[in-house]
Amino acid sequence: KIAVIGSHSIYKIEDTAMIYIPTENNKPLHPDEQRYVKMFMAIDLSTNFYYSYSYDITHTLQMNMAPPRKLAPALFPKPITAAVY
C-alpha cells in the first residue's frame, strides 16, 4: 500500500512471478505459447504499475469525486427512453 485517496487504498506492484499451472491432460503446448510467454515477460510490471480494488485510477480525482451529471453533462447524455419518442 503506497497511498490512500479518501477511503481508497492504492497499491503498487513491486515484484512479479510467472507460475506454471500444469493440466491433467498431456496435450502439447501450442506452437505460439513460448512466443506469448516471452512477450508477457518483456512487460515490466514492477515499475509504474498501480492498482486499487475500490478506486478507478484510470480517471482523474475530479472525475472520481464529482457527481457524474454535474461534471460534464456532454460526457453523460441522458438515456433515451420510450417517452422521448
PDB file of N, CA and C in Angstrom:
ATOM      1  N   LYS A   1       0.862  -1.174   0.000  1.00  0.00           N
ATOM      2  CA  LYS A   1       0.000   0.000   0.000  1.00  0.00           C
ATOM      3  C   LYS A   1       0.903   1.229   0.000  1.00  0.00           C
ATOM      4  N   ILE A   2       0.695   2.088  -0.996  1.00  0.00           N
ATOM      5  CA  ILE A   2       1.573   3.261  -1.086  1.00  0.00           C
ATOM      6  C   ILE A   2       0.840   4.578  -0.882  1.00  0.00           C
ATOM      7  N   ALA A   3      -0.502   4.554  -1.001  1.00  0.00           N
ATOM      8  CA  ALA A   3      -1.245   5.798  -0.862  1.00  0.00           C
ATOM      9  C   ALA A   3      -2.685   5.506  -0.468  1.00  0.00           C
ATOM     10  N   VAL A   4      -3.350   6.567  -0.015  1.00  0.00           N
ATOM     11  CA  VAL A   4      -4.771   6.491   0.305  1.00  0.00           C
ATOM     12  C   VAL A   4      -5.422   7.729  -0.286  1.00  0.00           C
ATOM     13  N   ILE A   5      -6.487   7.535  -1.046  1.00  0.00           N
ATOM     14  CA  ILE A   5      -7.275   8.641  -1.591  1.00  0.00           C
ATOM     15  C   ILE A   5      -8.665   8.494  -0.988  1.00  0.00           C
ATOM     16  N   GLY A   6      -9.001   9.399  -0.083  1.00  0.00           N
ATOM     17  CA  GLY A   6     -10.256   9.251   0.645  1.00  0.00           C
ATOM     18  C   GLY A   6     -10.167   7.986   1.485  1.00  0.00           C
ATOM     19  N   SER A   7     -11.088   7.072   1.261  1.00  0.00           N
ATOM     20  CA  SER A   7     -11.052   5.789   1.977  1.00  0.00           C
ATOM     21  C   SER A   7     -10.513   4.663   1.098  1.00  0.00           C
ATOM     22  N   HIS A   8      -9.946   5.009  -0.053  1.00  0.00           N
ATOM     23  CA  HIS A   8      -9.479   4.010  -1.020  1.00  0.00           C
ATOM     24  C   HIS A   8      -7.963   3.827  -0.935  1.00  0.00           C
ATOM     25  N   SER A   9      -7.540   2.588  -0.826  1.00  0.00           N
ATOM     26  CA  SER A   9      -6.108   2.273  -0.798  1.00  0.00           C
ATOM     27  C   SER A   9      -5.584   2.091  -2.214  1.00  0.00           C
ATOM     28  N   ILE A  10      -4.385   2.609  -2.464  1.00  0.00           N
ATOM     29  CA  ILE A  10      -3.707   2.463  -3.748  1.00  0.00           C
ATOM     30  C   ILE A  10      -2.472   1.595  -3.503  1.00  0.00           C
ATOM     31  N   TYR A  11      -2.285   0.618  -4.383  1.00  0.00           N
ATOM     32  CA  TYR A  11      -1.182  -0.330  -4.238  1.00  0.00           C
ATOM     33  C   TYR A  11      -0.252  -0.247  -5.441  1.00  0.00           C
ATOM     34  N   LYS A  12       0.992  -0.686  -5.248  1.00  0.00           N
ATOM     35  CA  LYS A  12       1.981  -0.720  -6.325  1.00  0.00           C
ATOM     36  C   LYS A  12       2.539  -2.135  -6.422  1.00  0.00           C
ATOM     37  N   ILE A  13       2.698  -2.605  -7.648  1.00  0.00           N
ATOM     38  CA  ILE A  13       3.327  -3.902  -7.877  1.00  0.00           C
ATOM     39  C   ILE A  13       4.828  -3.730  -7.671  1.00  0.00           C
ATOM     40  N   GLU A  14       5.408  -4.544  -6.823  1.00  0.00           N
ATOM     41  CA  GLU A  14       6.847  -4.466  -6.581  1.00  0.00           C
ATOM     42  C   GLU A  14       7.609  -5.628  -7.195  1.00  0.00           C
ATOM     43  N   ASP A  15       6.934  -6.749  -7.399  1.00  0.00           N
ATOM     44  CA  ASP A  15       7.608  -7.906  -7.972  1.00  0.00           C
ATOM     45  C   ASP A  15       6.559  -8.796  -8.622  1.00  0.00           C
ATOM     46  N   THR A  16       6.956  -9.501  -9.650  1.00  0.00           N
ATOM     47  CA  THR A  16       6.046 -10.417 -10.332  1.00  0.00           C
ATOM     48  C   THR A  16       6.726 -11.765 -10.522  1.00  0.00           C
ATOM     49  N   ALA A  17       5.903 -12.769 -10.708  1.00  0.00           N
ATOM     50  CA  ALA A  17       6.422 -14.111 -10.984  1.00  0.00           C
ATOM     51  C   ALA A  17       5.413 -14.829 -11.858  1.00  0.00           C
ATOM     52  N   MET A  18       5.915 -15.588 -12.808  1.00  0.00           N
ATOM     53  CA  MET A  18       5.038 -16.394 -13.644  1.00  0.00           C
ATOM     54  C   MET A  18       5.069 -17.815 -13.090  1.00  0.00           C
ATOM     55  N   ILE A  19       3.894 -18.330 -12.823  1.00  0.00           N
ATOM     56  CA  ILE A  19       3.781 -19.661 -12.233  1.00  0.00           C
ATOM     57  C   ILE A  19       3.124 -20.592 -13.233  1.00  0.00           C
ATOM     58  N   TYR A  20       3.778 -21.691 -13.516  1.00  0.00           N
ATOM     59  CA  TYR A  20       3.240 -22.687 -14.437  1.00  0.00           C
ATOM     60  C   TYR A  20       2.202 -23.524 -13.698  1.00  0.00           C
ATOM     61  N   ILE A  21       1.022 -23.656 -14.283  1.00  0.00           N
ATOM     62  CA  ILE A  21      -0.038 -24.481 -13.713  1.00  0.00           C
ATOM     63  C   ILE A  21      -0.271 -25.640 -14.667  1.00  0.00           C
ATOM     64  N   PRO A  22       0.195 -26.822 -14.301  1.00  0.00           N
ATOM     65  CA  PRO A  22       0.041 -27.969 -15.206  1.00  0.00           C
ATOM     66  C   PRO A  22      -1.417 -28.403 -15.317  1.00  0.00           C
ATOM     67  N   THR A  23      -1.740 -29.002 -16.428  1.00  0.00           N
ATOM     68  CA  THR A  23      -3.093 -29.514 -16.636  1.00  0.00           C
ATOM     69  C   THR A  23      -3.074 -31.030 -16.514  1.00  0.00           C
ATOM     70  N   GLU A  24      -4.258 -31.595 -16.415  1.00  0.00           N
ATOM     71  CA  GLU A  24      -4.389 -33.050 -16.262  1.00  0.00           C
ATOM     72  C   GLU A  24      -4.003 -33.787 -17.549  1.00  0.00           C
ATOM     73  N   ASN A  25      -4.323 -33.185 -18.688  1.00  0.00           N
ATOM     74  CA  ASN A  25      -4.047 -33.879 -19.958  1.00  0.00           C
ATOM     75  C   ASN A  25      -2.598 -33.655 -20.406  1.00  0.00           C
ATOM     76  N   ASN A  26      -2.154 -34.489 -21.281  1.00  0.00           N
ATOM     77  CA  ASN A  26      -0.782 -34.396 -21.800  1.00  0.00           C
ATOM     78  C   ASN A  26      -0.756 -33.735 -23.174  1.00  0.00           C
ATOM     79  N   LYS A  27      -1.669 -32.820 -23.380  1.00  0.00           N
ATOM     80  CA  LYS A  27      -1.764 -32.119 -24.655  1.00  0.00           C
ATOM     81  C   LYS A  27      -0.516 -31.251 -24.857  1.00  0.00           C
ATOM     82  N   PRO A  28       0.100 -31.312 -26.024  1.00  0.00           N
ATOM     83  CA  PRO A  28       1.298 -30.481 -26.261  1.00  0.00           C
ATOM     84  C   PRO A  28       0.933 -28.993 -26.298  1.00  0.00           C
ATOM     85  N   LEU A  29       1.891 -28.166 -25.943  1.00  0.00           N
ATOM     86  CA  LEU A  29       1.670 -26.721 -25.965  1.00  0.00           C
ATOM     87  C   LEU A  29       1.483 -26.232 -27.393  1.00  0.00           C
ATOM     88  N   HIS A  30       0.718 -25.181 -27.518  1.00  0.00           N
ATOM     89  CA  HIS A  30       0.523 -24.539 -28.820  1.00  0.00           C
ATOM     90  C   HIS A  30       1.873 -23.996 -29.285  1.00  0.00           C
ATOM     91  N   PRO A  31       2.148 -24.044 -30.581  1.00  0.00           N
ATOM     92  CA  PRO A  31       3.449 -23.553 -31.084  1.00  0.00           C
ATOM     93  C   PRO A  31       3.748 -22.094 -30.719  1.00  0.00           C
ATOM     94  N   ASP A  32       2.717 -21.277 -30.556  1.00  0.00           N
ATOM     95  CA  ASP A  32       2.928 -19.865 -30.228  1.00  0.00           C
ATOM     96  C   ASP A  32       3.069 -19.607 -28.729  1.00  0.00           C
ATOM     97  N   GLU A  33       2.873 -20.622 -27.919  1.00  0.00           N
ATOM     98  CA  GLU A  33       2.885 -20.440 -26.460  1.00  0.00           C
ATOM     99  C   GLU A  33       4.180 -19.801 -25.968  1.00  0.00           C
ATOM    100  N   GLN A  34       5.312 -20.279 -26.408  1.00  0.00           N
ATOM    101  CA  GLN A  34       6.594 -19.741 -25.946  1.00  0.00           C
ATOM    102  C   GLN A  34       6.767 -18.281 -26.366  1.00  0.00           C
ATOM    103  N   ARG A  35       6.288 -17.950 -27.546  1.00  0.00           N
ATOM    104  CA  ARG A  35       6.376 -16.560 -28.021  1.00  0.00           C
ATOM    105  C   ARG A  35       5.535 -15.644 -27.133  1.00  0.00           C
ATOM    106  N   TYR A  36       4.322 -16.089 -26.774  1.00  0.00           N
ATOM    107  CA  TYR A  36       3.452 -15.282 -25.912  1.00  0.00           C
ATOM    108  C   TYR A  36       4.037 -15.132 -24.509  1.00  0.00           C
ATOM    109  N   VAL A  37       4.644 -16.171 -24.004  1.00  0.00           N
ATOM    110  CA  VAL A  37       5.277 -16.098 -22.682  1.00  0.00           C
ATOM    111  C   VAL A  37       6.415 -15.083 -22.711  1.00  0.00           C
ATOM    112  N   LYS A  38       7.235 -15.099 -23.748  1.00  0.00           N
ATOM    113  CA  LYS A  38       8.336 -14.133 -23.867  1.00  0.00           C
ATOM    114  C   LYS A  38       7.806 -12.701 -23.957  1.00  0.00           C
ATOM    115  N   MET A  39       6.721 -12.505 -24.715  1.00  0.00           N
ATOM    116  CA  MET A  39       6.134 -11.170 -24.835  1.00  0.00           C
ATOM    117  C   MET A  39       5.627 -10.687 -23.477  1.00  0.00           C
ATOM    118  N   PHE A  40       4.968 -11.566 -22.743  1.00  0.00           N
ATOM    119  CA  PHE A  40       4.454 -11.197 -21.425  1.00  0.00           C
ATOM    120  C   PHE A  40       5.590 -10.888 -20.456  1.00  0.00           C
ATOM    121  N   MET A  41       6.637 -11.682 -20.490  1.00  0.00           N
ATOM    122  CA  MET A  41       7.769 -11.466 -19.590  1.00  0.00           C
ATOM    123  C   MET A  41       8.520 -10.173 -19.917  1.00  0.00           C
ATOM    124  N   ALA A  42       8.390  -9.677 -21.145  1.00  0.00           N
ATOM    125  CA  ALA A  42       9.061  -8.439 -21.540  1.00  0.00           C
ATOM    126  C   ALA A  42       8.387  -7.203 -20.935  1.00  0.00           C
ATOM    127  N   ILE A  43       7.156  -7.344 -20.482  1.00  0.00           N
ATOM    128  CA  ILE A  43       6.439  -6.226 -19.868  1.00  0.00           C
ATOM    129  C   ILE A  43       6.926  -6.074 -18.435  1.00  0.00           C
ATOM    130  N   ASP A  44       7.394  -4.894 -18.104  1.00  0.00           N
ATOM    131  CA  ASP A  44       7.910  -4.648 -16.755  1.00  0.00           C
ATOM    132  C   ASP A  44       6.775  -4.142 -15.875  1.00  0.00           C
ATOM    133  N   LEU A  45       6.178  -5.043 -15.116  1.00  0.00           N
ATOM    134  CA  LEU A  45       5.074  -4.677 -14.235  1.00  0.00           C
ATOM    135  C   LEU A  45       5.557  -4.179 -12.881  1.00  0.00           C
ATOM    136  N   SER A  46       6.847  -4.185 -12.653  1.00  0.00           N
ATOM    137  CA  SER A  46       7.362  -3.801 -11.338  1.00  0.00           C
ATOM    138  C   SER A  46       7.606  -2.300 -11.207  1.00  0.00           C
ATOM    139  N   THR A  47       7.505  -1.555 -12.286  1.00  0.00           N
ATOM    140  CA  THR A  47       7.674  -0.107 -12.198  1.00  0.00           C
ATOM    141  C   THR A  47       6.445   0.576 -12.778  1.00  0.00           C
ATOM    142  N   ASN A  48       5.972   1.565 -12.076  1.00  0.00           N
ATOM    143  CA  ASN A  48       4.840   2.376 -12.535  1.00  0.00           C
ATOM    144  C   ASN A  48       3.582   1.565 -12.816  1.00  0.00           C
ATOM    145  N   PHE A  49       3.323   0.541 -12.022  1.00  0.00           N
ATOM    146  CA  PHE A  49       2.099  -0.244 -12.177  1.00  0.00           C
ATOM    147  C   PHE A  49       1.347  -0.175 -10.856  1.00  0.00           C
ATOM    148  N   TYR A  50       0.244   0.577 -10.855  1.00  0.00           N
ATOM    149  CA  TYR A  50      -0.530   0.808  -9.646  1.00  0.00           C
ATOM    150  C   TYR A  50      -1.937   0.269  -9.837  1.00  0.00           C
ATOM    151  N   TYR A  51      -2.579  -0.074  -8.726  1.00  0.00           N
ATOM    152  CA  TYR A  51      -3.955  -0.556  -8.805  1.00  0.00           C
ATOM    153  C   TYR A  51      -4.671  -0.284  -7.486  1.00  0.00           C
ATOM    154  N   SER A  52      -5.988  -0.346  -7.551  1.00  0.00           N
ATOM    155  CA  SER A  52      -6.825  -0.206  -6.371  1.00  0.00           C
ATOM    156  C   SER A  52      -8.021  -1.123  -6.544  1.00  0.00           C
ATOM    157  N   TYR A  53      -8.434  -1.726  -5.452  1.00  0.00           N
ATOM    158  CA  TYR A  53      -9.603  -2.602  -5.501  1.00  0.00           C
ATOM    159  C   TYR A  53     -10.905  -1.807  -5.546  1.00  0.00           C
ATOM    160  N   SER A  54     -10.896  -0.569  -5.048  1.00  0.00           N
ATOM    161  CA  SER A  54     -12.146   0.174  -4.918  1.00  0.00           C
ATOM    162  C   SER A  54     -12.161   1.540  -5.598  1.00  0.00           C
ATOM    163  N   TYR A  55     -11.049   1.972  -6.166  1.00  0.00           N
ATOM    164  CA  TYR A  55     -10.957   3.315  -6.749  1.00  0.00           C
ATOM    165  C   TYR A  55     -10.497   3.197  -8.192  1.00  0.00           C
ATOM    166  N   ASP A  56     -11.191   3.880  -9.086  1.00  0.00           N
ATOM    167  CA  ASP A  56     -10.843   3.827 -10.508  1.00  0.00           C
ATOM    168  C   ASP A  56      -9.686   4.785 -10.779  1.00  0.00           C
ATOM    169  N   ILE A  57      -8.468   4.262 -10.832  1.00  0.00           N
ATOM    170  CA  ILE A  57      -7.303   5.131 -11.041  1.00  0.00           C
ATOM    171  C   ILE A  57      -7.089   5.473 -12.513  1.00  0.00           C
ATOM    172  N   THR A  58      -7.977   5.015 -13.383  1.00  0.00           N
ATOM    173  CA  THR A  58      -7.879   5.394 -14.792  1.00  0.00           C
ATOM    174  C   THR A  58      -8.525   6.752 -15.041  1.00  0.00           C
ATOM    175  N   HIS A  59      -9.232   7.297 -14.043  1.00  0.00           N
ATOM    176  CA  HIS A  59      -9.839   8.619 -14.152  1.00  0.00           C
ATOM    177  C   HIS A  59      -9.136   9.591 -13.209  1.00  0.00           C
ATOM    178  N   THR A  60      -9.325  10.868 -13.451  1.00  0.00           N
ATOM    179  CA  THR A  60      -8.743  11.895 -12.589  1.00  0.00           C
ATOM    180  C   THR A  60      -9.492  11.946 -11.263  1.00  0.00           C
ATOM    181  N   LEU A  61      -8.887  12.594 -10.285  1.00  0.00           N
ATOM    182  CA  LEU A  61      -9.529  12.783  -8.988  1.00  0.00           C
ATOM    183  C   LEU A  61     -10.844  13.542  -9.155  1.00  0.00           C
ATOM    184  N   GLN A  62     -10.842  14.571 -10.018  1.00  0.00           N
ATOM    185  CA  GLN A  62     -12.047  15.356 -10.242  1.00  0.00           C
ATOM    186  C   GLN A  62     -13.169  14.488 -10.812  1.00  0.00           C
ATOM    187  N   MET A  63     -12.829  13.629 -11.746  1.00  0.00           N
ATOM    188  CA  MET A  63     -13.827  12.752 -12.365  1.00  0.00           C
ATOM    189  C   MET A  63     -14.391  11.774 -11.340  1.00  0.00           C
ATOM    190  N   ASN A  64     -13.546  11.257 -10.476  1.00  0.00           N
ATOM    191  CA  ASN A  64     -13.999  10.291  -9.476  1.00  0.00           C
ATOM    192  C   ASN A  64     -14.811  10.929  -8.357  1.00  0.00           C
ATOM    193  N   MET A  65     -14.522  12.155  -8.000  1.00  0.00           N
ATOM    194  CA  MET A  65     -15.180  12.782  -6.857  1.00  0.00           C
ATOM    195  C   MET A  65     -16.418  13.601  -7.220  1.00  0.00           C
ATOM    196  N   ALA A  66     -16.519  14.075  -8.441  1.00  0.00           N
ATOM    197  CA  ALA A  66     -17.647  14.919  -8.832  1.00  0.00           C
ATOM    198  C   ALA A  66     -18.873  14.073  -9.154  1.00  0.00           C
ATOM    199  N   PRO A  67     -20.064  14.605  -8.875  1.00  0.00           N
ATOM    200  CA  PRO A  67     -21.274  13.890  -9.298  1.00  0.00           C
ATOM    201  C   PRO A  67     -21.272  13.785 -10.822  1.00  0.00           C
ATOM    202  N   PRO A  68     -21.603  12.659 -11.389  1.00  0.00           N
ATOM    203  CA  PRO A  68     -21.472  12.442 -12.838  1.00  0.00           C
ATOM    204  C   PRO A  68     -22.136  13.496 -13.712  1.00  0.00           C
ATOM    205  N   ARG A  69     -23.354  13.890 -13.449  1.00  0.00           N
ATOM    206  CA  ARG A  69     -24.053  14.836 -14.325  1.00  0.00           C
ATOM    207  C   ARG A  69     -23.607  16.275 -14.113  1.00  0.00           C
ATOM    208  N   LYS A  70     -23.039  16.595 -12.985  1.00  0.00           N
ATOM    209  CA  LYS A  70     -22.600  17.963 -12.729  1.00  0.00           C
ATOM    210  C   LYS A  70     -21.204  18.228 -13.280  1.00  0.00           C
ATOM    211  N   LEU A  71     -20.433  17.177 -13.514  1.00  0.00           N
ATOM    212  CA  LEU A  71     -19.073  17.345 -14.015  1.00  0.00           C
ATOM    213  C   LEU A  71     -19.072  17.814 -15.466  1.00  0.00           C
ATOM    214  N   ALA A  72     -19.702  17.059 -16.333  1.00  0.00           N
ATOM    215  CA  ALA A  72     -19.747  17.396 -17.756  1.00  0.00           C
ATOM    216  C   ALA A  72     -20.945  16.688 -18.370  1.00  0.00           C
ATOM    217  N   PRO A  73     -22.083  17.347 -18.449  1.00  0.00           N
ATOM    218  CA  PRO A  73     -23.282  16.699 -18.985  1.00  0.00           C
ATOM    219  C   PRO A  73     -23.079  16.126 -20.381  1.00  0.00           C
ATOM    220  N   ALA A  74     -22.200  16.719 -21.181  1.00  0.00           N
ATOM    221  CA  ALA A  74     -21.979  16.213 -22.540  1.00  0.00           C
ATOM    222  C   ALA A  74     -21.349  14.821 -22.518  1.00  0.00           C
ATOM    223  N   LEU A  75     -20.595  14.513 -21.478  1.00  0.00           N
ATOM    224  CA  LEU A  75     -19.980  13.192 -21.368  1.00  0.00           C
ATOM    225  C   LEU A  75     -20.974  12.128 -20.924  1.00  0.00           C
ATOM    226  N   PHE A  76     -22.059  12.569 -20.292  1.00  0.00           N
ATOM    227  CA  PHE A  76     -23.053  11.645 -19.768  1.00  0.00           C
ATOM    228  C   PHE A  76     -24.435  12.034 -20.292  1.00  0.00           C
ATOM    229  N   PRO A  77     -24.722  11.764 -21.561  1.00  0.00           N
ATOM    230  CA  PRO A  77     -26.020  12.164 -22.115  1.00  0.00           C
ATOM    231  C   PRO A  77     -27.155  11.429 -21.418  1.00  0.00           C
ATOM    232  N   LYS A  78     -28.311  12.078 -21.410  1.00  0.00           N
ATOM    233  CA  LYS A  78     -29.479  11.451 -20.798  1.00  0.00           C
ATOM    234  C   LYS A  78     -29.854  10.215 -21.602  1.00  0.00           C
ATOM    235  N   PRO A  79     -30.258   9.148 -20.921  1.00  0.00           N
ATOM    236  CA  PRO A  79     -30.635   7.934 -21.647  1.00  0.00           C
ATOM    237  C   PRO A  79     -31.895   8.147 -22.473  1.00  0.00           C
ATOM    238  N   ILE A  80     -31.949   7.495 -23.611  1.00  0.00           N
ATOM    239  CA  ILE A  80     -33.127   7.575 -24.471  1.00  0.00           C
ATOM    240  C   ILE A  80     -34.173   6.620 -23.922  1.00  0.00           C
ATOM    241  N   THR A  81     -35.362   7.138 -23.707  1.00  0.00           N
ATOM    242  CA  THR A  81     -36.455   6.301 -23.200  1.00  0.00           C
ATOM    243  C   THR A  81     -37.606   6.339 -24.184  1.00  0.00           C
ATOM    244  N   ALA A  82     -38.572   5.488 -23.964  1.00  0.00           N
ATOM    245  CA  ALA A  82     -39.739   5.428 -24.844  1.00  0.00           C
ATOM    246  C   ALA A  82     -40.519   6.736 -24.810  1.00  0.00           C
ATOM    247  N   ALA A  83     -40.454   7.467 -23.690  1.00  0.00           N
ATOM    248  CA  ALA A  83     -41.186   8.724 -23.568  1.00  0.00           C
ATOM    249  C   ALA A  83     -40.645   9.785 -24.523  1.00  0.00           C
ATOM    250  N   VAL A  84     -39.415   9.668 -24.953  1.00  0.00           N
ATOM    251  CA  VAL A  84     -38.813  10.644 -25.862  1.00  0.00           C
ATOM    252  C   VAL A  84     -39.424  10.532 -27.248  1.00  0.00           C
ATOM    253  N   TYR A  85     -39.779   9.326 -27.643  1.00  0.00           N
ATOM    254  CA  TYR A  85     -40.327   9.123 -28.972  1.00  0.00           C
ATOM    255  C   TYR A  85     -41.753   9.493 -28.946  1.00  0.00           C
TER     256      TYR A  85
END
